[in-house]
């Protein structure tokens, strides 16, 4: 199984709109409203998604060719499934150190 680091990072927190505005201003870029719960900012091919969430969570992303095979391999290495919506949705996993990753089938 091949894992590739994605240029996408989600930052989840209650004050997502305020955080997105702060970082858009800091980086000198526009904030793009995705929906009522998500705002995207982009710079140099990297994307930050600010999503509404009751707590603070930073979610990095890994591109994979096969979601199920990737999930099974990571579980065998001590990762846990946090949220699983399948292809095209959130496939959040937590590594043994507490870091969150979304798996995205490309």
PDB file of N, CA and C in Angstrom:
ATOM      1  N   UNK A   1       0.848  -1.179   0.000  1.00  0.00           N
ATOM      2  CA  UNK A   1       0.000   0.000   0.000  1.00  0.00           C
ATOM      3  C   UNK A   1       0.889   1.236   0.000  1.00  0.00           C
ATOM      4  N   UNK A   2       0.584   2.164  -0.877  1.00  0.00           N
ATOM      5  CA  UNK A   2       1.339   3.420  -0.950  1.00  0.00           C
ATOM      6  C   UNK A   2       0.515   4.547  -0.337  1.00  0.00           C
ATOM      7  N   UNK A   3       1.140   5.311   0.542  1.00  0.00           N
ATOM      8  CA  UNK A   3       0.532   6.468   1.175  1.00  0.00           C
ATOM      9  C   UNK A   3       1.273   7.716   0.697  1.00  0.00           C
ATOM     10  N   UNK A   4       0.523   8.746   0.287  1.00  0.00           N
ATOM     11  CA  UNK A   4       1.128  10.009  -0.141  1.00  0.00           C
ATOM     12  C   UNK A   4       0.531  11.145   0.676  1.00  0.00           C
ATOM     13  N   UNK A   5       1.393  12.033   1.133  1.00  0.00           N
ATOM     14  CA  UNK A   5       0.943  13.183   1.910  1.00  0.00           C
ATOM     15  C   UNK A   5       0.194  14.160   1.004  1.00  0.00           C
ATOM     16  N   UNK A   6      -0.965  14.546   1.434  1.00  0.00           N
ATOM     17  CA  UNK A   6      -1.817  15.486   0.708  1.00  0.00           C
ATOM     18  C   UNK A   6      -1.448  16.930   1.076  1.00  0.00           C
ATOM     19  N   UNK A   7      -1.743  17.887   0.196  1.00  0.00           N
ATOM     20  CA  UNK A   7      -1.523  19.297   0.533  1.00  0.00           C
ATOM     21  C   UNK A   7      -2.676  19.912   1.336  1.00  0.00           C
ATOM     22  N   UNK A   8      -3.603  19.076   1.804  1.00  0.00           N
ATOM     23  CA  UNK A   8      -4.792  19.547   2.517  1.00  0.00           C
ATOM     24  C   UNK A   8      -4.670  19.306   4.013  1.00  0.00           C
ATOM     25  N   UNK A   9      -5.045  20.325   4.780  1.00  0.00           N
ATOM     26  CA  UNK A   9      -5.099  20.205   6.236  1.00  0.00           C
ATOM     27  C   UNK A   9      -6.415  20.828   6.695  1.00  0.00           C
ATOM     28  N   UNK A  10      -7.140  20.088   7.535  1.00  0.00           N
ATOM     29  CA  UNK A  10      -8.368  20.619   8.124  1.00  0.00           C
ATOM     30  C   UNK A  10      -8.076  21.033   9.558  1.00  0.00           C
ATOM     31  N   UNK A  11      -8.555  22.216   9.899  1.00  0.00           N
ATOM     32  CA  UNK A  11      -8.447  22.718  11.270  1.00  0.00           C
ATOM     33  C   UNK A  11      -9.875  22.853  11.770  1.00  0.00           C
ATOM     34  N   UNK A  12     -10.212  22.039  12.753  1.00  0.00           N
ATOM     35  CA  UNK A  12     -11.584  21.996  13.246  1.00  0.00           C
ATOM     36  C   UNK A  12     -11.654  22.635  14.625  1.00  0.00           C
ATOM     37  N   UNK A  13     -12.578  23.579  14.759  1.00  0.00           N
ATOM     38  CA  UNK A  13     -12.746  24.292  16.021  1.00  0.00           C
ATOM     39  C   UNK A  13     -14.075  25.035  16.020  1.00  0.00           C
ATOM     40  N   UNK A  14     -14.580  25.418  17.196  1.00  0.00           N
ATOM     41  CA  UNK A  14     -15.858  26.128  17.244  1.00  0.00           C
ATOM     42  C   UNK A  14     -15.832  27.472  16.511  1.00  0.00           C
ATOM     43  N   UNK A  15     -14.738  28.213  16.642  1.00  0.00           N
ATOM     44  CA  UNK A  15     -14.635  29.550  16.039  1.00  0.00           C
ATOM     45  C   UNK A  15     -13.985  29.462  14.652  1.00  0.00           C
ATOM     46  N   UNK A  16     -14.479  28.554  13.811  1.00  0.00           N
ATOM     47  CA  UNK A  16     -13.846  28.305  12.518  1.00  0.00           C
ATOM     48  C   UNK A  16     -13.848  29.535  11.608  1.00  0.00           C
ATOM     49  N   UNK A  17     -14.927  30.310  11.600  1.00  0.00           N
ATOM     50  CA  UNK A  17     -15.007  31.476  10.719  1.00  0.00           C
ATOM     51  C   UNK A  17     -14.002  32.547  11.129  1.00  0.00           C
ATOM     52  N   UNK A  18     -13.881  32.783  12.424  1.00  0.00           N
ATOM     53  CA  UNK A  18     -12.934  33.774  12.926  1.00  0.00           C
ATOM     54  C   UNK A  18     -11.494  33.342  12.634  1.00  0.00           C
ATOM     55  N   UNK A  19     -11.211  32.054  12.826  1.00  0.00           N
ATOM     56  CA  UNK A  19      -9.866  31.541  12.558  1.00  0.00           C
ATOM     57  C   UNK A  19      -9.540  31.649  11.072  1.00  0.00           C
ATOM     58  N   UNK A  20     -10.489  31.307  10.217  1.00  0.00           N
ATOM     59  CA  UNK A  20     -10.266  31.400   8.771  1.00  0.00           C
ATOM     60  C   UNK A  20      -9.979  32.842   8.364  1.00  0.00           C
ATOM     61  N   UNK A  21     -10.731  33.780   8.917  1.00  0.00           N
ATOM     62  CA  UNK A  21     -10.519  35.199   8.597  1.00  0.00           C
ATOM     63  C   UNK A  21      -9.135  35.653   9.047  1.00  0.00           C
ATOM     64  N   UNK A  22      -8.717  35.230  10.231  1.00  0.00           N
ATOM     65  CA  UNK A  22      -7.398  35.596  10.743  1.00  0.00           C
ATOM     66  C   UNK A  22      -6.285  35.103   9.816  1.00  0.00           C
ATOM     67  N   UNK A  23      -6.360  33.819   9.420  1.00  0.00           N
ATOM     68  CA  UNK A  23      -5.292  33.257   8.594  1.00  0.00           C
ATOM     69  C   UNK A  23      -5.348  33.747   7.153  1.00  0.00           C
ATOM     70  N   UNK A  24      -6.531  34.024   6.644  1.00  0.00           N
ATOM     71  CA  UNK A  24      -6.638  34.594   5.305  1.00  0.00           C
ATOM     72  C   UNK A  24      -5.971  35.970   5.275  1.00  0.00           C
ATOM     73  N   UNK A  25      -6.227  36.779   6.305  1.00  0.00           N
ATOM     74  CA  UNK A  25      -5.606  38.110   6.390  1.00  0.00           C
ATOM     75  C   UNK A  25      -4.095  37.985   6.560  1.00  0.00           C
ATOM     76  N   UNK A  26      -3.669  37.105   7.454  1.00  0.00           N
ATOM     77  CA  UNK A  26      -2.241  36.902   7.708  1.00  0.00           C
ATOM     78  C   UNK A  26      -1.495  36.483   6.445  1.00  0.00           C
ATOM     79  N   UNK A  27      -2.086  35.574   5.673  1.00  0.00           N
ATOM     80  CA  UNK A  27      -1.443  35.054   4.463  1.00  0.00           C
ATOM     81  C   UNK A  27      -1.717  35.889   3.213  1.00  0.00           C
ATOM     82  N   UNK A  28      -2.613  36.878   3.332  1.00  0.00           N
ATOM     83  CA  UNK A  28      -2.927  37.733   2.194  1.00  0.00           C
ATOM     84  C   UNK A  28      -3.684  37.010   1.094  1.00  0.00           C
ATOM     85  N   UNK A  29      -4.610  36.117   1.487  1.00  0.00           N
ATOM     86  CA  UNK A  29      -5.397  35.348   0.519  1.00  0.00           C
ATOM     87  C   UNK A  29      -6.883  35.512   0.830  1.00  0.00           C
ATOM     88  N   UNK A  30      -7.706  35.090  -0.104  1.00  0.00           N
ATOM     89  CA  UNK A  30      -9.150  35.139   0.079  1.00  0.00           C
ATOM     90  C   UNK A  30      -9.635  33.884   0.788  1.00  0.00           C
ATOM     91  N   UNK A  31     -10.657  34.038   1.594  1.00  0.00           N
ATOM     92  CA  UNK A  31     -11.323  32.902   2.227  1.00  0.00           C
ATOM     93  C   UNK A  31     -12.540  32.554   1.378  1.00  0.00           C
ATOM     94  N   UNK A  32     -12.714  31.272   1.088  1.00  0.00           N
ATOM     95  CA  UNK A  32     -13.828  30.805   0.261  1.00  0.00           C
ATOM     96  C   UNK A  32     -14.773  29.968   1.121  1.00  0.00           C
ATOM     97  N   UNK A  33     -16.005  30.441   1.248  1.00  0.00           N
ATOM     98  CA  UNK A  33     -17.010  29.708   2.025  1.00  0.00           C
ATOM     99  C   UNK A  33     -17.422  28.467   1.242  1.00  0.00           C
ATOM    100  N   UNK A  34     -17.227  27.290   1.814  1.00  0.00           N
ATOM    101  CA  UNK A  34     -17.614  26.034   1.170  1.00  0.00           C
ATOM    102  C   UNK A  34     -19.083  25.732   1.477  1.00  0.00           C
ATOM    103  N   UNK A  35     -19.451  25.824   2.743  1.00  0.00           N
ATOM    104  CA  UNK A  35     -20.828  25.656   3.193  1.00  0.00           C
ATOM    105  C   UNK A  35     -20.931  26.325   4.565  1.00  0.00           C
ATOM    106  N   UNK A  36     -22.000  26.075   5.277  1.00  0.00           N
ATOM    107  CA  UNK A  36     -22.205  26.724   6.582  1.00  0.00           C
ATOM    108  C   UNK A  36     -21.200  26.303   7.644  1.00  0.00           C
ATOM    109  N   UNK A  37     -20.452  25.221   7.369  1.00  0.00           N
ATOM    110  CA  UNK A  37     -19.556  24.674   8.380  1.00  0.00           C
ATOM    111  C   UNK A  37     -18.110  24.573   7.925  1.00  0.00           C
ATOM    112  N   UNK A  38     -17.773  25.150   6.762  1.00  0.00           N
ATOM    113  CA  UNK A  38     -16.420  24.974   6.239  1.00  0.00           C
ATOM    114  C   UNK A  38     -15.991  26.160   5.377  1.00  0.00           C
ATOM    115  N   UNK A  39     -14.764  26.595   5.603  1.00  0.00           N
ATOM    116  CA  UNK A  39     -14.159  27.693   4.844  1.00  0.00           C
ATOM    117  C   UNK A  39     -12.785  27.233   4.387  1.00  0.00           C
ATOM    118  N   UNK A  40     -12.452  27.545   3.127  1.00  0.00           N
ATOM    119  CA  UNK A  40     -11.172  27.137   2.545  1.00  0.00           C
ATOM    120  C   UNK A  40     -10.306  28.365   2.268  1.00  0.00           C
ATOM    121  N   UNK A  41      -9.026  28.240   2.589  1.00  0.00           N
ATOM    122  CA  UNK A  41      -8.055  29.215   2.105  1.00  0.00           C
ATOM    123  C   UNK A  41      -6.934  28.429   1.420  1.00  0.00           C
ATOM    124  N   UNK A  42      -6.342  29.060   0.409  1.00  0.00           N
ATOM    125  CA  UNK A  42      -5.351  28.359  -0.398  1.00  0.00           C
ATOM    126  C   UNK A  42      -4.184  29.295  -0.685  1.00  0.00           C
ATOM    127  N   UNK A  43      -2.985  28.721  -0.633  1.00  0.00           N
ATOM    128  CA  UNK A  43      -1.785  29.466  -0.975  1.00  0.00           C
ATOM    129  C   UNK A  43      -0.746  28.472  -1.482  1.00  0.00           C
ATOM    130  N   UNK A  44      -0.195  28.763  -2.652  1.00  0.00           N
ATOM    131  CA  UNK A  44       0.882  27.952  -3.234  1.00  0.00           C
ATOM    132  C   UNK A  44       0.535  26.466  -3.317  1.00  0.00           C
ATOM    133  N   UNK A  45      -0.685  26.155  -3.717  1.00  0.00           N
ATOM    134  CA  UNK A  45      -1.080  24.766  -3.887  1.00  0.00           C
ATOM    135  C   UNK A  45      -1.364  24.016  -2.596  1.00  0.00           C
ATOM    136  N   UNK A  46      -1.371  24.717  -1.476  1.00  0.00           N
ATOM    137  CA  UNK A  46      -1.705  24.099  -0.189  1.00  0.00           C
ATOM    138  C   UNK A  46      -3.047  24.658   0.270  1.00  0.00           C
ATOM    139  N   UNK A  47      -3.829  23.801   0.896  1.00  0.00           N
ATOM    140  CA  UNK A  47      -5.173  24.182   1.301  1.00  0.00           C
ATOM    141  C   UNK A  47      -5.349  23.998   2.803  1.00  0.00           C
ATOM    142  N   UNK A  48      -5.931  25.008   3.436  1.00  0.00           N
ATOM    143  CA  UNK A  48      -6.361  24.914   4.829  1.00  0.00           C
ATOM    144  C   UNK A  48      -7.879  24.986   4.826  1.00  0.00           C
ATOM    145  N   UNK A  49      -8.493  24.023   5.469  1.00  0.00           N
ATOM    146  CA  UNK A  49      -9.941  24.006   5.623  1.00  0.00           C
ATOM    147  C   UNK A  49     -10.260  24.248   7.085  1.00  0.00           C
ATOM    148  N   UNK A  50     -11.042  25.279   7.339  1.00  0.00           N
ATOM    149  CA  UNK A  50     -11.480  25.594   8.693  1.00  0.00           C
ATOM    150  C   UNK A  50     -12.912  25.091   8.820  1.00  0.00           C
ATOM    151  N   UNK A  51     -13.101  24.090   9.667  1.00  0.00           N
ATOM    152  CA  UNK A  51     -14.394  23.433   9.806  1.00  0.00           C
ATOM    153  C   UNK A  51     -14.932  23.596  11.222  1.00  0.00           C
ATOM    154  N   UNK A  52     -16.248  23.753  11.306  1.00  0.00           N
ATOM    155  CA  UNK A  52     -16.901  23.870  12.613  1.00  0.00           C
ATOM    156  C   UNK A  52     -16.860  22.519  13.317  1.00  0.00           C
ATOM    157  N   UNK A  53     -16.382  22.549  14.563  1.00  0.00           N
ATOM    158  CA  UNK A  53     -16.285  21.331  15.368  1.00  0.00           C
ATOM    159  C   UNK A  53     -16.327  21.748  16.822  1.00  0.00           C
ATOM    160  N   UNK A  54     -16.896  20.931  17.671  1.00  0.00           N
ATOM    161  CA  UNK A  54     -17.046  21.312  19.082  1.00  0.00           C
ATOM    162  C   UNK A  54     -15.723  21.404  19.825  1.00  0.00           C
ATOM    163  N   UNK A  55     -14.705  20.696  19.392  1.00  0.00           N
ATOM    164  CA  UNK A  55     -13.392  20.761  20.022  1.00  0.00           C
ATOM    165  C   UNK A  55     -12.342  21.182  19.007  1.00  0.00           C
ATOM    166  N   UNK A  56     -11.100  21.163  19.420  1.00  0.00           N
ATOM    167  CA  UNK A  56      -9.994  21.494  18.525  1.00  0.00           C
ATOM    168  C   UNK A  56      -9.388  20.201  17.996  1.00  0.00           C
ATOM    169  N   UNK A  57      -9.277  20.130  16.669  1.00  0.00           N
ATOM    170  CA  UNK A  57      -8.683  18.952  16.047  1.00  0.00           C
ATOM    171  C   UNK A  57      -8.038  19.400  14.738  1.00  0.00           C
ATOM    172  N   UNK A  58      -6.793  18.997  14.527  1.00  0.00           N
ATOM    173  CA  UNK A  58      -6.101  19.255  13.263  1.00  0.00           C
ATOM    174  C   UNK A  58      -6.004  17.924  12.541  1.00  0.00           C
ATOM    175  N   UNK A  59      -6.471  17.912  11.296  1.00  0.00           N
ATOM    176  CA  UNK A  59      -6.538  16.678  10.511  1.00  0.00           C
ATOM    177  C   UNK A  59      -5.711  16.843   9.245  1.00  0.00           C
ATOM    178  N   UNK A  60      -4.613  16.091   9.173  1.00  0.00           N
ATOM    179  CA  UNK A  60      -3.820  16.052   7.954  1.00  0.00           C
ATOM    180  C   UNK A  60      -4.420  14.989   7.041  1.00  0.00           C
ATOM    181  N   UNK A  61      -3.909  14.856   5.834  1.00  0.00           N
ATOM    182  CA  UNK A  61      -4.539  13.930   4.898  1.00  0.00           C
ATOM    183  C   UNK A  61      -3.507  13.098   4.161  1.00  0.00           C
ATOM    184  N   UNK A  62      -3.882  11.856   3.911  1.00  0.00           N
ATOM    185  CA  UNK A  62      -3.057  10.943   3.131  1.00  0.00           C
ATOM    186  C   UNK A  62      -3.857  10.470   1.922  1.00  0.00           C
ATOM    187  N   UNK A  63      -3.236  10.529   0.732  1.00  0.00           N
ATOM    188  CA  UNK A  63      -3.839   9.969  -0.471  1.00  0.00           C
ATOM    189  C   UNK A  63      -3.509   8.488  -0.536  1.00  0.00           C
ATOM    190  N   UNK A  64      -4.495   7.675  -0.870  1.00  0.00           N
ATOM    191  CA  UNK A  64      -4.313   6.225  -0.994  1.00  0.00           C
ATOM    192  C   UNK A  64      -5.035   5.740  -2.245  1.00  0.00           C
ATOM    193  N   UNK A  65      -4.655   4.565  -2.727  1.00  0.00           N
ATOM    194  CA  UNK A  65      -5.310   3.965  -3.894  1.00  0.00           C
ATOM    195  C   UNK A  65      -6.511   3.111  -3.500  1.00  0.00           C
ATOM    196  N   UNK A  66      -6.528   2.618  -2.269  1.00  0.00           N
ATOM    197  CA  UNK A  66      -7.585   1.708  -1.823  1.00  0.00           C
ATOM    198  C   UNK A  66      -7.893   1.993  -0.356  1.00  0.00           C
ATOM    199  N   UNK A  67      -9.045   2.613  -0.115  1.00  0.00           N
ATOM    200  CA  UNK A  67      -9.419   3.013   1.250  1.00  0.00           C
ATOM    201  C   UNK A  67      -9.443   1.842   2.224  1.00  0.00           C
ATOM    202  N   UNK A  68     -10.091   0.758   1.826  1.00  0.00           N
ATOM    203  CA  UNK A  68     -10.236  -0.363   2.747  1.00  0.00           C
ATOM    204  C   UNK A  68      -8.897  -1.011   3.073  1.00  0.00           C
ATOM    205  N   UNK A  69      -8.048  -1.187   2.065  1.00  0.00           N
ATOM    206  CA  UNK A  69      -6.727  -1.768   2.305  1.00  0.00           C
ATOM    207  C   UNK A  69      -5.891  -0.846   3.193  1.00  0.00           C
ATOM    208  N   UNK A  70      -5.989   0.472   2.955  1.00  0.00           N
ATOM    209  CA  UNK A  70      -5.239   1.436   3.771  1.00  0.00           C
ATOM    210  C   UNK A  70      -5.725   1.391   5.217  1.00  0.00           C
ATOM    211  N   UNK A  71      -7.047   1.384   5.409  1.00  0.00           N
ATOM    212  CA  UNK A  71      -7.608   1.311   6.762  1.00  0.00           C
ATOM    213  C   UNK A  71      -7.131   0.049   7.474  1.00  0.00           C
ATOM    214  N   UNK A  72      -7.195  -1.071   6.788  1.00  0.00           N
ATOM    215  CA  UNK A  72      -6.782  -2.334   7.408  1.00  0.00           C
ATOM    216  C   UNK A  72      -5.306  -2.325   7.788  1.00  0.00           C
ATOM    217  N   UNK A  73      -4.470  -1.788   6.923  1.00  0.00           N
ATOM    218  CA  UNK A  73      -3.038  -1.723   7.228  1.00  0.00           C
ATOM    219  C   UNK A  73      -2.778  -0.831   8.432  1.00  0.00           C
ATOM    220  N   UNK A  74      -3.430   0.330   8.458  1.00  0.00           N
ATOM    221  CA  UNK A  74      -3.209   1.254   9.571  1.00  0.00           C
ATOM    222  C   UNK A  74      -3.743   0.688  10.885  1.00  0.00           C
ATOM    223  N   UNK A  75      -4.897   0.033  10.849  1.00  0.00           N
ATOM    224  CA  UNK A  75      -5.435  -0.594  12.060  1.00  0.00           C
ATOM    225  C   UNK A  75      -4.451  -1.638  12.585  1.00  0.00           C
ATOM    226  N   UNK A  76      -3.824  -2.393  11.671  1.00  0.00           N
ATOM    227  CA  UNK A  76      -2.849  -3.406  12.110  1.00  0.00           C
ATOM    228  C   UNK A  76      -1.619  -2.767  12.750  1.00  0.00           C
ATOM    229  N   UNK A  77      -1.406  -1.473  12.482  1.00  0.00           N
ATOM    230  CA  UNK A  77      -0.282  -0.743  13.059  1.00  0.00           C
ATOM    231  C   UNK A  77      -0.679   0.051  14.307  1.00  0.00           C
ATOM    232  N   UNK A  78      -1.909  -0.159  14.791  1.00  0.00           N
ATOM    233  CA  UNK A  78      -2.335   0.488  16.020  1.00  0.00           C
ATOM    234  C   UNK A  78      -3.168   1.740  15.849  1.00  0.00           C
ATOM    235  N   UNK A  79      -3.546   2.086  14.622  1.00  0.00           N
ATOM    236  CA  UNK A  79      -4.406   3.249  14.390  1.00  0.00           C
ATOM    237  C   UNK A  79      -5.845   2.877  14.720  1.00  0.00           C
ATOM    238  N   UNK A  80      -6.674   3.900  15.012  1.00  0.00           N
ATOM    239  CA  UNK A  80      -8.085   3.674  15.263  1.00  0.00           C
ATOM    240  C   UNK A  80      -8.928   4.478  14.275  1.00  0.00           C
ATOM    241  N   UNK A  81     -10.068   3.918  13.910  1.00  0.00           N
ATOM    242  CA  UNK A  81     -11.011   4.614  13.037  1.00  0.00           C
ATOM    243  C   UNK A  81     -11.815   5.579  13.895  1.00  0.00           C
ATOM    244  N   UNK A  82     -11.866   6.839  13.488  1.00  0.00           N
ATOM    245  CA  UNK A  82     -12.595   7.878  14.225  1.00  0.00           C
ATOM    246  C   UNK A  82     -13.941   8.144  13.559  1.00  0.00           C
ATOM    247  N   UNK A  83     -13.929   8.268  12.242  1.00  0.00           N
ATOM    248  CA  UNK A  83     -15.142   8.524  11.457  1.00  0.00           C
ATOM    249  C   UNK A  83     -14.913   7.919  10.082  1.00  0.00           C
ATOM    250  N   UNK A  84     -15.896   7.200   9.547  1.00  0.00           N
ATOM    251  CA  UNK A  84     -15.701   6.529   8.261  1.00  0.00           C
ATOM    252  C   UNK A  84     -16.931   6.712   7.391  1.00  0.00           C
ATOM    253  N   UNK A  85     -16.815   7.590   6.377  1.00  0.00           N
ATOM    254  CA  UNK A  85     -17.922   7.834   5.453  1.00  0.00           C
ATOM    255  C   UNK A  85     -17.692   7.180   4.094  1.00  0.00           C
ATOM    256  N   UNK A  86     -16.525   6.615   3.891  1.00  0.00           N
ATOM    257  CA  UNK A  86     -16.233   5.969   2.620  1.00  0.00           C
ATOM    258  C   UNK A  86     -15.727   6.953   1.571  1.00  0.00           C
ATOM    259  N   UNK A  87     -15.550   6.439   0.356  1.00  0.00           N
ATOM    260  CA  UNK A  87     -14.964   7.232  -0.728  1.00  0.00           C
ATOM    261  C   UNK A  87     -15.734   8.529  -0.941  1.00  0.00           C
ATOM    262  N   UNK A  88     -14.980   9.635  -0.975  1.00  0.00           N
ATOM    263  CA  UNK A  88     -15.567  10.952  -1.176  1.00  0.00           C
ATOM    264  C   UNK A  88     -16.009  11.632   0.106  1.00  0.00           C
ATOM    265  N   UNK A  89     -15.934  10.934   1.231  1.00  0.00           N
ATOM    266  CA  UNK A  89     -16.340  11.495   2.519  1.00  0.00           C
ATOM    267  C   UNK A  89     -15.192  11.464   3.506  1.00  0.00           C
ATOM    268  N   UNK A  90     -15.510  11.808   4.727  1.00  0.00           N
ATOM    269  CA  UNK A  90     -14.492  11.794   5.778  1.00  0.00           C
ATOM    270  C   UNK A  90     -14.140  10.353   6.149  1.00  0.00           C
ATOM    271  N   UNK A  91     -12.871  10.068   6.117  1.00  0.00           N
ATOM    272  CA  UNK A  91     -12.344   8.778   6.562  1.00  0.00           C
ATOM    273  C   UNK A  91     -11.233   9.094   7.557  1.00  0.00           C
ATOM    274  N   UNK A  92     -11.643   9.532   8.750  1.00  0.00           N
ATOM    275  CA  UNK A  92     -10.718   9.983   9.772  1.00  0.00           C
ATOM    276  C   UNK A  92     -10.188   8.807  10.585  1.00  0.00           C
ATOM    277  N   UNK A  93      -8.874   8.835  10.771  1.00  0.00           N
ATOM    278  CA  UNK A  93      -8.213   7.851  11.618  1.00  0.00           C
ATOM    279  C   UNK A  93      -7.254   8.578  12.543  1.00  0.00           C
ATOM    280  N   UNK A  94      -6.988   7.954  13.698  1.00  0.00           N
ATOM    281  CA  UNK A  94      -6.055   8.530  14.668  1.00  0.00           C
ATOM    282  C   UNK A  94      -4.890   7.575  14.821  1.00  0.00           C
ATOM    283  N   UNK A  95      -3.680   8.125  14.727  1.00  0.00           N
ATOM    284  CA  UNK A  95      -2.493   7.278  14.865  1.00  0.00           C
ATOM    285  C   UNK A  95      -2.233   6.984  16.341  1.00  0.00           C
ATOM    286  N   UNK A  96      -1.298   6.100  16.640  1.00  0.00           N
ATOM    287  CA  UNK A  96      -1.042   5.743  18.051  1.00  0.00           C
ATOM    288  C   UNK A  96      -0.558   6.908  18.911  1.00  0.00           C
ATOM    289  N   UNK A  97      -0.182   8.016  18.293  1.00  0.00           N
ATOM    290  CA  UNK A  97       0.333   9.179  19.035  1.00  0.00           C
ATOM    291  C   UNK A  97      -0.712  10.271  19.211  1.00  0.00           C
ATOM    292  N   UNK A  98      -1.930  10.034  18.684  1.00  0.00           N
ATOM    293  CA  UNK A  98      -3.010  11.000  18.847  1.00  0.00           C
ATOM    294  C   UNK A  98      -3.188  11.960  17.697  1.00  0.00           C
ATOM    295  N   UNK A  99      -2.440  11.791  16.604  1.00  0.00           N
ATOM    296  CA  UNK A  99      -2.588  12.661  15.436  1.00  0.00           C
ATOM    297  C   UNK A  99      -3.698  12.135  14.538  1.00  0.00           C
ATOM    298  N   UNK A 100      -4.440  13.060  13.925  1.00  0.00           N
ATOM    299  CA  UNK A 100      -5.570  12.697  13.076  1.00  0.00           C
ATOM    300  C   UNK A 100      -5.198  12.839  11.607  1.00  0.00           C
ATOM    301  N   UNK A 101      -5.670  11.873  10.814  1.00  0.00           N
ATOM    302  CA  UNK A 101      -5.475  11.898   9.371  1.00  0.00           C
ATOM    303  C   UNK A 101      -6.764  11.501   8.680  1.00  0.00           C
ATOM    304  N   UNK A 102      -7.032  12.126   7.560  1.00  0.00           N
ATOM    305  CA  UNK A 102      -8.106  11.718   6.680  1.00  0.00           C
ATOM    306  C   UNK A 102      -7.476  10.886   5.563  1.00  0.00           C
ATOM    307  N   UNK A 103      -8.079   9.765   5.240  1.00  0.00           N
ATOM    308  CA  UNK A 103      -7.641   8.992   4.087  1.00  0.00           C
ATOM    309  C   UNK A 103      -8.509   9.375   2.909  1.00  0.00           C
ATOM    310  N   UNK A 104      -7.870   9.662   1.780  1.00  0.00           N
ATOM    311  CA  UNK A 104      -8.600  10.072   0.583  1.00  0.00           C
ATOM    312  C   UNK A 104      -8.171   9.204  -0.582  1.00  0.00           C
ATOM    313  N   UNK A 105      -9.130   8.501  -1.142  1.00  0.00           N
ATOM    314  CA  UNK A 105      -8.823   7.645  -2.287  1.00  0.00           C
ATOM    315  C   UNK A 105      -8.799   8.490  -3.547  1.00  0.00           C
ATOM    316  N   UNK A 106      -7.644   8.526  -4.208  1.00  0.00           N
ATOM    317  CA  UNK A 106      -7.496   9.346  -5.411  1.00  0.00           C
ATOM    318  C   UNK A 106      -7.802   8.556  -6.668  1.00  0.00           C
TER     319      UNK A 106
END
